[in-house]
């Protein structure tokens, strides 16, 4: 009887845990797993508004691999990863300077986090005004230095770096908060002992803080680089009129799906993007872990 009661209690506890995660599982099933399966199926079909879908095998993938614009957008998506180290350096540096719980630092944290909560449309309009080639603040400052105007929004690849500038501005506050959370769990005794041994601020950061923040840095690198590969909204707002070859693979996917209604081809591009993002995240984790262990 006691054994039965204990087993019932264990079963009840396990069921309670399942009940807590059940809503999330339903959400993932309806809005992640099922749509992904359908996209994979559509990628092997000639599916558009004119037909219900005919199975064509790997034809969509073959069309993509022969499309020069597709390769250009894929290359551009990888170029956006260059913004990831910049974001990490800026956000980690600010987190180190603002980790003390003072009123001044709390105020500065709020200021630096403000771009994160700024709607991307508003941020894009602001930066289009700043980088305008005719009346923008950036070119005005360059003219004061005797330099010529730069085509920030039309000249390739300068326009890509303009988008990176926007993404860095909008993202560094978010990653700063992640690093602040990571810094709070580092035992202060480690830094205090290093200080007693005569280690300076830079040496303490290199020998103590950064090794302790290894999991956080890996996490930030993976999610920021994955977001960089899938960038779309910033491009759509900041450089809408630029040729497709100057945009990202998600912009290519959007054009094929919602402007040309080539749902089969866009689904194939989406599957390729998913595999690239998955493989890239796996390689980043393996590379960074190996680099830290050596």
C-alpha atoms as a PDB file:
ATOM      1  CA  UNK A   1       0.000   0.000   0.000  1.00  0.00           C
ATOM      2  CA  UNK A   2       2.842   2.382   0.853  1.00  0.00           C
ATOM      3  CA  UNK A   3       4.623   1.493  -2.384  1.00  0.00           C
ATOM      4  CA  UNK A   4       1.483   2.181  -4.380  1.00  0.00           C
ATOM      5  CA  UNK A   5       1.055   5.545  -2.639  1.00  0.00           C
ATOM      6  CA  UNK A   6       4.641   6.546  -3.344  1.00  0.00           C
ATOM      7  CA  UNK A   7       4.305   5.516  -6.975  1.00  0.00           C
ATOM      8  CA  UNK A   8       1.098   7.508  -7.256  1.00  0.00           C
ATOM      9  CA  UNK A   9       2.779  10.574  -5.807  1.00  0.00           C
ATOM     10  CA  UNK A  10       5.677  10.270  -8.267  1.00  0.00           C
ATOM     11  CA  UNK A  11       3.275   9.828 -11.138  1.00  0.00           C
ATOM     12  CA  UNK A  12       1.265  12.825  -9.953  1.00  0.00           C
ATOM     13  CA  UNK A  13       4.372  14.977  -9.744  1.00  0.00           C
ATOM     14  CA  UNK A  14       5.492  13.957 -13.232  1.00  0.00           C
ATOM     15  CA  UNK A  15       2.022  14.720 -14.600  1.00  0.00           C
ATOM     16  CA  UNK A  16       2.116  18.139 -12.983  1.00  0.00           C
ATOM     17  CA  UNK A  17       5.380  18.867 -14.728  1.00  0.00           C
ATOM     18  CA  UNK A  18       3.897  17.771 -18.028  1.00  0.00           C
ATOM     19  CA  UNK A  19       0.874  20.024 -17.485  1.00  0.00           C
ATOM     20  CA  UNK A  20       3.174  23.015 -17.045  1.00  0.00           C
ATOM     21  CA  UNK A  21       5.002  22.415 -20.339  1.00  0.00           C
ATOM     22  CA  UNK A  22       1.940  21.246 -22.279  1.00  0.00           C
ATOM     23  CA  UNK A  23       0.857  24.760 -23.442  1.00  0.00           C
ATOM     24  CA  UNK A  24       4.352  25.458 -24.727  1.00  0.00           C
ATOM     25  CA  UNK A  25       4.425  22.098 -26.535  1.00  0.00           C
ATOM     26  CA  UNK A  26       1.093  22.868 -28.216  1.00  0.00           C
ATOM     27  CA  UNK A  27       2.392  26.275 -29.260  1.00  0.00           C
ATOM     28  CA  UNK A  28       5.580  24.794 -30.726  1.00  0.00           C
ATOM     29  CA  UNK A  29       3.613  22.077 -32.481  1.00  0.00           C
ATOM     30  CA  UNK A  30       1.144  24.470 -34.129  1.00  0.00           C
ATOM     31  CA  UNK A  31       3.455  27.367 -34.949  1.00  0.00           C
ATOM     32  CA  UNK A  32       6.878  25.762 -35.383  1.00  0.00           C
ATOM     33  CA  UNK A  33       6.925  22.029 -36.104  1.00  0.00           C
ATOM     34  CA  UNK A  34       3.870  21.704 -38.375  1.00  0.00           C
ATOM     35  CA  UNK A  35       4.721  24.828 -40.466  1.00  0.00           C
ATOM     36  CA  UNK A  36       8.297  23.591 -40.851  1.00  0.00           C
ATOM     37  CA  UNK A  37       7.121  20.197 -42.076  1.00  0.00           C
ATOM     38  CA  UNK A  38       4.805  21.875 -44.573  1.00  0.00           C
ATOM     39  CA  UNK A  39       7.632  24.101 -45.814  1.00  0.00           C
ATOM     40  CA  UNK A  40       9.832  21.065 -46.378  1.00  0.00           C
ATOM     41  CA  UNK A  41       7.010  19.436 -48.369  1.00  0.00           C
ATOM     42  CA  UNK A  42       6.375  22.595 -50.415  1.00  0.00           C
ATOM     43  CA  UNK A  43      10.084  22.829 -51.269  1.00  0.00           C
ATOM     44  CA  UNK A  44       9.651  19.720 -53.454  1.00  0.00           C
ATOM     45  CA  UNK A  45       6.574  21.104 -55.214  1.00  0.00           C
ATOM     46  CA  UNK A  46       5.705  23.597 -57.923  1.00  0.00           C
ATOM     47  CA  UNK A  47       3.336  25.491 -55.657  1.00  0.00           C
ATOM     48  CA  UNK A  48       1.927  28.960 -56.398  1.00  0.00           C
ATOM     49  CA  UNK A  49      -1.389  30.781 -56.697  1.00  0.00           C
ATOM     50  CA  UNK A  50      -2.064  29.196 -60.087  1.00  0.00           C
ATOM     51  CA  UNK A  51      -2.042  25.556 -58.959  1.00  0.00           C
ATOM     52  CA  UNK A  52      -2.482  23.340 -55.918  1.00  0.00           C
ATOM     53  CA  UNK A  53       1.071  22.051 -56.066  1.00  0.00           C
ATOM     54  CA  UNK A  54       2.763  19.445 -58.247  1.00  0.00           C
ATOM     55  CA  UNK A  55       5.624  17.288 -57.047  1.00  0.00           C
ATOM     56  CA  UNK A  56       8.804  18.258 -58.954  1.00  0.00           C
ATOM     57  CA  UNK A  57      11.507  16.710 -56.791  1.00  0.00           C
ATOM     58  CA  UNK A  58      14.690  18.757 -56.428  1.00  0.00           C
ATOM     59  CA  UNK A  59      13.875  21.224 -59.208  1.00  0.00           C
ATOM     60  CA  UNK A  60      13.419  24.147 -56.815  1.00  0.00           C
ATOM     61  CA  UNK A  61      16.807  23.505 -55.241  1.00  0.00           C
ATOM     62  CA  UNK A  62      18.371  23.213 -58.687  1.00  0.00           C
ATOM     63  CA  UNK A  63      16.881  26.573 -59.683  1.00  0.00           C
ATOM     64  CA  UNK A  64      18.266  28.183 -56.545  1.00  0.00           C
ATOM     65  CA  UNK A  65      21.771  26.819 -57.061  1.00  0.00           C
ATOM     66  CA  UNK A  66      21.772  28.214 -60.613  1.00  0.00           C
ATOM     67  CA  UNK A  67      20.461  31.618 -59.536  1.00  0.00           C
ATOM     68  CA  UNK A  68      23.206  34.247 -59.271  1.00  0.00           C
ATOM     69  CA  UNK A  69      21.011  36.543 -57.165  1.00  0.00           C
ATOM     70  CA  UNK A  70      20.432  33.769 -54.632  1.00  0.00           C
ATOM     71  CA  UNK A  71      24.181  33.306 -54.160  1.00  0.00           C
ATOM     72  CA  UNK A  72      24.682  37.058 -53.811  1.00  0.00           C
ATOM     73  CA  UNK A  73      22.038  37.332 -51.106  1.00  0.00           C
ATOM     74  CA  UNK A  74      23.513  34.322 -49.329  1.00  0.00           C
ATOM     75  CA  UNK A  75      26.955  35.950 -49.389  1.00  0.00           C
ATOM     76  CA  UNK A  76      25.492  39.197 -48.055  1.00  0.00           C
ATOM     77  CA  UNK A  77      23.841  37.315 -45.195  1.00  0.00           C
ATOM     78  CA  UNK A  78      27.223  35.938 -44.169  1.00  0.00           C
ATOM     79  CA  UNK A  79      28.733  39.431 -44.376  1.00  0.00           C
ATOM     80  CA  UNK A  80      26.310  40.585 -41.717  1.00  0.00           C
ATOM     81  CA  UNK A  81      28.025  38.225 -39.277  1.00  0.00           C
ATOM     82  CA  UNK A  82      30.850  40.784 -39.194  1.00  0.00           C
ATOM     83  CA  UNK A  83      28.631  42.842 -36.898  1.00  0.00           C
ATOM     84  CA  UNK A  84      28.647  40.077 -34.262  1.00  0.00           C
ATOM     85  CA  UNK A  85      32.174  40.651 -32.842  1.00  0.00           C
ATOM     86  CA  UNK A  86      31.494  44.392 -32.754  1.00  0.00           C
ATOM     87  CA  UNK A  87      28.298  43.886 -30.760  1.00  0.00           C
ATOM     88  CA  UNK A  88      30.060  41.518 -28.345  1.00  0.00           C
ATOM     89  CA  UNK A  89      32.955  43.910 -27.723  1.00  0.00           C
ATOM     90  CA  UNK A  90      30.710  46.940 -27.200  1.00  0.00           C
ATOM     91  CA  UNK A  91      28.146  45.171 -25.017  1.00  0.00           C
ATOM     92  CA  UNK A  92      30.753  43.389 -22.874  1.00  0.00           C
ATOM     93  CA  UNK A  93      32.765  46.585 -22.394  1.00  0.00           C
ATOM     94  CA  UNK A  94      29.687  48.512 -21.288  1.00  0.00           C
ATOM     95  CA  UNK A  95      28.646  45.677 -18.983  1.00  0.00           C
ATOM     96  CA  UNK A  96      32.058  45.783 -17.296  1.00  0.00           C
ATOM     97  CA  UNK A  97      31.819  49.527 -16.726  1.00  0.00           C
ATOM     98  CA  UNK A  98      28.191  49.458 -15.541  1.00  0.00           C
ATOM     99  CA  UNK A  99      28.070  46.336 -13.373  1.00  0.00           C
ATOM    100  CA  UNK A 100      28.193  48.223 -10.079  1.00  0.00           C
ATOM    101  CA  UNK A 101      24.693  48.802  -8.678  1.00  0.00           C
ATOM    102  CA  UNK A 102      24.786  52.583  -8.421  1.00  0.00           C
ATOM    103  CA  UNK A 103      22.120  55.128  -9.338  1.00  0.00           C
ATOM    104  CA  UNK A 104      24.343  56.504 -12.098  1.00  0.00           C
ATOM    105  CA  UNK A 105      24.920  53.083 -13.632  1.00  0.00           C
ATOM    106  CA  UNK A 106      21.223  52.209 -13.428  1.00  0.00           C
ATOM    107  CA  UNK A 107      20.402  55.374 -15.335  1.00  0.00           C
ATOM    108  CA  UNK A 108      23.038  54.654 -17.986  1.00  0.00           C
ATOM    109  CA  UNK A 109      21.788  51.076 -18.369  1.00  0.00           C
ATOM    110  CA  UNK A 110      18.326  52.439 -19.126  1.00  0.00           C
ATOM    111  CA  UNK A 111      19.750  54.855 -21.688  1.00  0.00           C
ATOM    112  CA  UNK A 112      21.781  52.160 -23.437  1.00  0.00           C
ATOM    113  CA  UNK A 113      18.827  49.768 -23.422  1.00  0.00           C
ATOM    114  CA  UNK A 114      16.508  52.333 -25.010  1.00  0.00           C
ATOM    115  CA  UNK A 115      17.434  51.402 -28.636  1.00  0.00           C
ATOM    116  CA  UNK A 116      16.362  47.815 -27.924  1.00  0.00           C
ATOM    117  CA  UNK A 117      12.773  48.853 -27.183  1.00  0.00           C
ATOM    118  CA  UNK A 118      12.679  51.322 -30.064  1.00  0.00           C
ATOM    119  CA  UNK A 119      10.468  49.876 -32.857  1.00  0.00           C
ATOM    120  CA  UNK A 120      12.601  48.820 -35.773  1.00  0.00           C
ATOM    121  CA  UNK A 121      10.515  50.897 -38.191  1.00  0.00           C
ATOM    122  CA  UNK A 122      11.118  54.079 -36.208  1.00  0.00           C
ATOM    123  CA  UNK A 123      14.801  53.212 -35.805  1.00  0.00           C
ATOM    124  CA  UNK A 124      15.111  52.600 -39.546  1.00  0.00           C
ATOM    125  CA  UNK A 125      13.504  55.954 -40.397  1.00  0.00           C
ATOM    126  CA  UNK A 126      15.815  57.747 -37.963  1.00  0.00           C
ATOM    127  CA  UNK A 127      18.907  56.124 -39.436  1.00  0.00           C
ATOM    128  CA  UNK A 128      17.729  56.810 -42.997  1.00  0.00           C
ATOM    129  CA  UNK A 129      17.666  60.468 -42.026  1.00  0.00           C
ATOM    130  CA  UNK A 130      21.091  60.264 -40.357  1.00  0.00           C
ATOM    131  CA  UNK A 131      22.658  58.464 -43.345  1.00  0.00           C
ATOM    132  CA  UNK A 132      20.855  60.392 -46.068  1.00  0.00           C
ATOM    133  CA  UNK A 133      23.251  61.226 -48.884  1.00  0.00           C
ATOM    134  CA  UNK A 134      21.738  64.687 -49.448  1.00  0.00           C
ATOM    135  CA  UNK A 135      20.869  66.069 -46.010  1.00  0.00           C
ATOM    136  CA  UNK A 136      22.064  63.458 -43.512  1.00  0.00           C
ATOM    137  CA  UNK A 137      23.977  64.272 -40.355  1.00  0.00           C
ATOM    138  CA  UNK A 138      26.717  61.776 -41.164  1.00  0.00           C
ATOM    139  CA  UNK A 139      27.655  63.371 -44.457  1.00  0.00           C
ATOM    140  CA  UNK A 140      27.390  66.822 -42.882  1.00  0.00           C
ATOM    141  CA  UNK A 141      29.977  65.818 -40.278  1.00  0.00           C
ATOM    142  CA  UNK A 142      32.207  64.433 -43.020  1.00  0.00           C
ATOM    143  CA  UNK A 143      31.923  67.706 -44.931  1.00  0.00           C
ATOM    144  CA  UNK A 144      33.145  69.582 -41.848  1.00  0.00           C
ATOM    145  CA  UNK A 145      36.269  67.418 -42.020  1.00  0.00           C
ATOM    146  CA  UNK A 146      36.725  68.238 -45.712  1.00  0.00           C
ATOM    147  CA  UNK A 147      35.639  64.790 -46.891  1.00  0.00           C
ATOM    148  CA  UNK A 148      33.287  63.948 -49.745  1.00  0.00           C
ATOM    149  CA  UNK A 149      29.772  62.614 -49.218  1.00  0.00           C
ATOM    150  CA  UNK A 150      29.405  58.863 -48.884  1.00  0.00           C
ATOM    151  CA  UNK A 151      26.559  56.968 -50.544  1.00  0.00           C
ATOM    152  CA  UNK A 152      25.548  55.217 -47.349  1.00  0.00           C
ATOM    153  CA  UNK A 153      22.266  53.803 -48.645  1.00  0.00           C
ATOM    154  CA  UNK A 154      22.892  53.131 -52.338  1.00  0.00           C
ATOM    155  CA  UNK A 155      26.515  52.113 -52.852  1.00  0.00           C
ATOM    156  CA  UNK A 156      27.298  48.411 -52.414  1.00  0.00           C
ATOM    157  CA  UNK A 157      28.724  47.196 -50.014  1.00  0.00           C
ATOM    158  CA  UNK A 158      28.605  50.464 -48.051  1.00  0.00           C
ATOM    159  CA  UNK A 159      24.833  50.099 -47.709  1.00  0.00           C
ATOM    160  CA  UNK A 160      25.347  46.700 -46.029  1.00  0.00           C
ATOM    161  CA  UNK A 161      27.626  48.281 -43.435  1.00  0.00           C
ATOM    162  CA  UNK A 162      24.984  50.949 -42.890  1.00  0.00           C
ATOM    163  CA  UNK A 163      22.518  48.191 -42.029  1.00  0.00           C
ATOM    164  CA  UNK A 164      25.128  46.640 -39.714  1.00  0.00           C
ATOM    165  CA  UNK A 165      25.457  50.002 -37.981  1.00  0.00           C
ATOM    166  CA  UNK A 166      21.723  50.011 -37.347  1.00  0.00           C
ATOM    167  CA  UNK A 167      21.743  46.443 -36.030  1.00  0.00           C
ATOM    168  CA  UNK A 168      24.668  47.190 -33.690  1.00  0.00           C
ATOM    169  CA  UNK A 169      22.889  50.286 -32.380  1.00  0.00           C
ATOM    170  CA  UNK A 170      19.670  48.348 -31.739  1.00  0.00           C
ATOM    171  CA  UNK A 171      21.299  45.222 -30.323  1.00  0.00           C
ATOM    172  CA  UNK A 172      24.190  46.153 -28.053  1.00  0.00           C
ATOM    173  CA  UNK A 173      21.915  47.119 -25.140  1.00  0.00           C
ATOM    174  CA  UNK A 174      20.182  43.731 -25.200  1.00  0.00           C
ATOM    175  CA  UNK A 175      23.447  41.791 -25.115  1.00  0.00           C
ATOM    176  CA  UNK A 176      24.808  44.185 -22.499  1.00  0.00           C
ATOM    177  CA  UNK A 177      22.034  43.063 -20.149  1.00  0.00           C
ATOM    178  CA  UNK A 178      22.906  39.410 -20.820  1.00  0.00           C
ATOM    179  CA  UNK A 179      26.546  40.073 -19.941  1.00  0.00           C
ATOM    180  CA  UNK A 180      25.487  41.970 -16.812  1.00  0.00           C
ATOM    181  CA  UNK A 181      23.533  38.918 -15.699  1.00  0.00           C
ATOM    182  CA  UNK A 182      26.591  36.750 -16.352  1.00  0.00           C
ATOM    183  CA  UNK A 183      28.870  39.097 -14.394  1.00  0.00           C
ATOM    184  CA  UNK A 184      26.594  38.934 -11.371  1.00  0.00           C
ATOM    185  CA  UNK A 185      27.226  35.198 -10.901  1.00  0.00           C
ATOM    186  CA  UNK A 186      31.036  35.491 -10.931  1.00  0.00           C
ATOM    187  CA  UNK A 187      32.334  35.115  -7.352  1.00  0.00           C
ATOM    188  CA  UNK A 188      33.834  38.396  -6.168  1.00  0.00           C
ATOM    189  CA  UNK A 189      36.444  36.468  -4.190  1.00  0.00           C
ATOM    190  CA  UNK A 190      38.240  35.589  -7.436  1.00  0.00           C
ATOM    191  CA  UNK A 191      38.739  39.226  -8.377  1.00  0.00           C
ATOM    192  CA  UNK A 192      39.606  40.222  -4.840  1.00  0.00           C
ATOM    193  CA  UNK A 193      42.326  37.593  -4.623  1.00  0.00           C
ATOM    194  CA  UNK A 194      43.708  38.677  -8.001  1.00  0.00           C
ATOM    195  CA  UNK A 195      43.693  42.278  -6.807  1.00  0.00           C
ATOM    196  CA  UNK A 196      45.695  41.298  -3.735  1.00  0.00           C
ATOM    197  CA  UNK A 197      48.188  39.576  -6.049  1.00  0.00           C
ATOM    198  CA  UNK A 198      48.681  42.871  -7.890  1.00  0.00           C
ATOM    199  CA  UNK A 199      46.639  42.148 -11.034  1.00  0.00           C
ATOM    200  CA  UNK A 200      45.430  45.265 -12.825  1.00  0.00           C
ATOM    201  CA  UNK A 201      41.938  45.808 -14.285  1.00  0.00           C
ATOM    202  CA  UNK A 202      42.875  44.525 -17.744  1.00  0.00           C
ATOM    203  CA  UNK A 203      44.604  41.446 -16.358  1.00  0.00           C
ATOM    204  CA  UNK A 204      41.597  40.639 -14.161  1.00  0.00           C
ATOM    205  CA  UNK A 205      39.295  40.883 -17.165  1.00  0.00           C
ATOM    206  CA  UNK A 206      41.486  38.626 -19.325  1.00  0.00           C
ATOM    207  CA  UNK A 207      42.402  36.003 -16.713  1.00  0.00           C
ATOM    208  CA  UNK A 208      39.263  35.862 -14.568  1.00  0.00           C
ATOM    209  CA  UNK A 209      36.172  37.523 -16.014  1.00  0.00           C
ATOM    210  CA  UNK A 210      36.340  36.353 -19.620  1.00  0.00           C
ATOM    211  CA  UNK A 211      37.033  32.661 -18.754  1.00  0.00           C
ATOM    212  CA  UNK A 212      34.158  32.749 -16.253  1.00  0.00           C
ATOM    213  CA  UNK A 213      31.893  34.269 -18.927  1.00  0.00           C
ATOM    214  CA  UNK A 214      32.676  31.560 -21.463  1.00  0.00           C
ATOM    215  CA  UNK A 215      29.130  30.080 -21.598  1.00  0.00           C
ATOM    216  CA  UNK A 216      27.594  33.563 -21.847  1.00  0.00           C
ATOM    217  CA  UNK A 217      29.942  34.642 -24.633  1.00  0.00           C
ATOM    218  CA  UNK A 218      29.207  31.460 -26.590  1.00  0.00           C
ATOM    219  CA  UNK A 219      25.481  32.007 -26.120  1.00  0.00           C
ATOM    220  CA  UNK A 220      25.657  35.639 -27.275  1.00  0.00           C
ATOM    221  CA  UNK A 221      27.844  34.749 -30.243  1.00  0.00           C
ATOM    222  CA  UNK A 222      25.479  32.020 -31.414  1.00  0.00           C
ATOM    223  CA  UNK A 223      22.232  33.975 -31.098  1.00  0.00           C
ATOM    224  CA  UNK A 224      23.678  37.211 -32.518  1.00  0.00           C
ATOM    225  CA  UNK A 225      25.284  35.498 -35.510  1.00  0.00           C
ATOM    226  CA  UNK A 226      22.109  33.516 -36.178  1.00  0.00           C
ATOM    227  CA  UNK A 227      20.112  36.743 -36.077  1.00  0.00           C
ATOM    228  CA  UNK A 228      22.618  38.363 -38.447  1.00  0.00           C
ATOM    229  CA  UNK A 229      22.190  35.613 -41.043  1.00  0.00           C
ATOM    230  CA  UNK A 230      18.396  36.001 -40.900  1.00  0.00           C
ATOM    231  CA  UNK A 231      18.311  39.808 -40.983  1.00  0.00           C
ATOM    232  CA  UNK A 232      15.395  41.258 -42.934  1.00  0.00           C
ATOM    233  CA  UNK A 233      13.436  44.096 -41.330  1.00  0.00           C
ATOM    234  CA  UNK A 234      16.377  46.492 -41.059  1.00  0.00           C
ATOM    235  CA  UNK A 235      17.129  45.993 -44.756  1.00  0.00           C
ATOM    236  CA  UNK A 236      13.475  46.389 -45.702  1.00  0.00           C
ATOM    237  CA  UNK A 237      13.255  49.727 -43.879  1.00  0.00           C
ATOM    238  CA  UNK A 238      16.714  51.222 -44.410  1.00  0.00           C
ATOM    239  CA  UNK A 239      17.529  50.337 -48.029  1.00  0.00           C
ATOM    240  CA  UNK A 240      14.219  49.329 -49.649  1.00  0.00           C
ATOM    241  CA  UNK A 241      15.080  50.452 -53.177  1.00  0.00           C
ATOM    242  CA  UNK A 242      18.455  48.766 -53.497  1.00  0.00           C
ATOM    243  CA  UNK A 243      18.748  45.855 -55.997  1.00  0.00           C
ATOM    244  CA  UNK A 244      17.995  42.372 -54.673  1.00  0.00           C
ATOM    245  CA  UNK A 245      21.637  41.378 -55.131  1.00  0.00           C
ATOM    246  CA  UNK A 246      22.496  43.884 -52.384  1.00  0.00           C
ATOM    247  CA  UNK A 247      20.119  42.361 -49.832  1.00  0.00           C
ATOM    248  CA  UNK A 248      19.949  39.230 -47.681  1.00  0.00           C
ATOM    249  CA  UNK A 249      18.691  35.715 -48.311  1.00  0.00           C
ATOM    250  CA  UNK A 250      15.570  36.437 -46.232  1.00  0.00           C
ATOM    251  CA  UNK A 251      14.833  39.380 -48.533  1.00  0.00           C
ATOM    252  CA  UNK A 252      15.174  36.985 -51.475  1.00  0.00           C
ATOM    253  CA  UNK A 253      12.810  34.545 -49.762  1.00  0.00           C
ATOM    254  CA  UNK A 254      10.304  37.339 -49.096  1.00  0.00           C
ATOM    255  CA  UNK A 255      10.357  38.448 -52.742  1.00  0.00           C
ATOM    256  CA  UNK A 256       9.796  34.965 -54.094  1.00  0.00           C
ATOM    257  CA  UNK A 257       6.970  34.211 -51.647  1.00  0.00           C
ATOM    258  CA  UNK A 258       5.031  37.468 -51.359  1.00  0.00           C
ATOM    259  CA  UNK A 259       5.848  39.354 -54.555  1.00  0.00           C
ATOM    260  CA  UNK A 260       6.233  36.564 -57.116  1.00  0.00           C
ATOM    261  CA  UNK A 261       4.119  33.989 -55.205  1.00  0.00           C
ATOM    262  CA  UNK A 262       6.644  31.228 -55.908  1.00  0.00           C
ATOM    263  CA  UNK A 263       5.906  29.388 -52.676  1.00  0.00           C
ATOM    264  CA  UNK A 264       7.765  26.244 -53.664  1.00  0.00           C
ATOM    265  CA  UNK A 265      10.952  28.122 -54.519  1.00  0.00           C
ATOM    266  CA  UNK A 266      10.748  30.290 -51.406  1.00  0.00           C
ATOM    267  CA  UNK A 267      10.189  27.164 -49.278  1.00  0.00           C
ATOM    268  CA  UNK A 268      13.358  25.639 -50.709  1.00  0.00           C
ATOM    269  CA  UNK A 269      15.241  28.825 -49.843  1.00  0.00           C
ATOM    270  CA  UNK A 270      13.796  28.648 -46.339  1.00  0.00           C
ATOM    271  CA  UNK A 271      14.954  25.051 -45.870  1.00  0.00           C
ATOM    272  CA  UNK A 272      18.453  25.988 -47.029  1.00  0.00           C
ATOM    273  CA  UNK A 273      18.478  28.950 -44.628  1.00  0.00           C
ATOM    274  CA  UNK A 274      17.409  26.677 -41.765  1.00  0.00           C
ATOM    275  CA  UNK A 275      20.155  24.146 -42.498  1.00  0.00           C
ATOM    276  CA  UNK A 276      22.772  26.898 -42.781  1.00  0.00           C
ATOM    277  CA  UNK A 277      21.685  28.490 -39.487  1.00  0.00           C
ATOM    278  CA  UNK A 278      21.670  25.120 -37.736  1.00  0.00           C
ATOM    279  CA  UNK A 279      25.068  24.130 -39.086  1.00  0.00           C
ATOM    280  CA  UNK A 280      26.557  27.535 -38.376  1.00  0.00           C
ATOM    281  CA  UNK A 281      25.349  27.499 -34.763  1.00  0.00           C
ATOM    282  CA  UNK A 282      26.749  23.994 -34.257  1.00  0.00           C
ATOM    283  CA  UNK A 283      30.140  24.943 -35.742  1.00  0.00           C
ATOM    284  CA  UNK A 284      30.311  28.094 -33.618  1.00  0.00           C
ATOM    285  CA  UNK A 285      29.670  26.164 -30.424  1.00  0.00           C
ATOM    286  CA  UNK A 286      32.202  23.461 -31.294  1.00  0.00           C
ATOM    287  CA  UNK A 287      34.846  25.969 -32.407  1.00  0.00           C
ATOM    288  CA  UNK A 288      34.508  28.243 -29.398  1.00  0.00           C
ATOM    289  CA  UNK A 289      34.478  25.349 -26.928  1.00  0.00           C
ATOM    290  CA  UNK A 290      37.576  23.853 -28.533  1.00  0.00           C
ATOM    291  CA  UNK A 291      39.339  27.213 -28.578  1.00  0.00           C
ATOM    292  CA  UNK A 292      38.648  27.745 -24.865  1.00  0.00           C
ATOM    293  CA  UNK A 293      39.727  24.233 -23.898  1.00  0.00           C
ATOM    294  CA  UNK A 294      43.110  24.533 -25.613  1.00  0.00           C
END
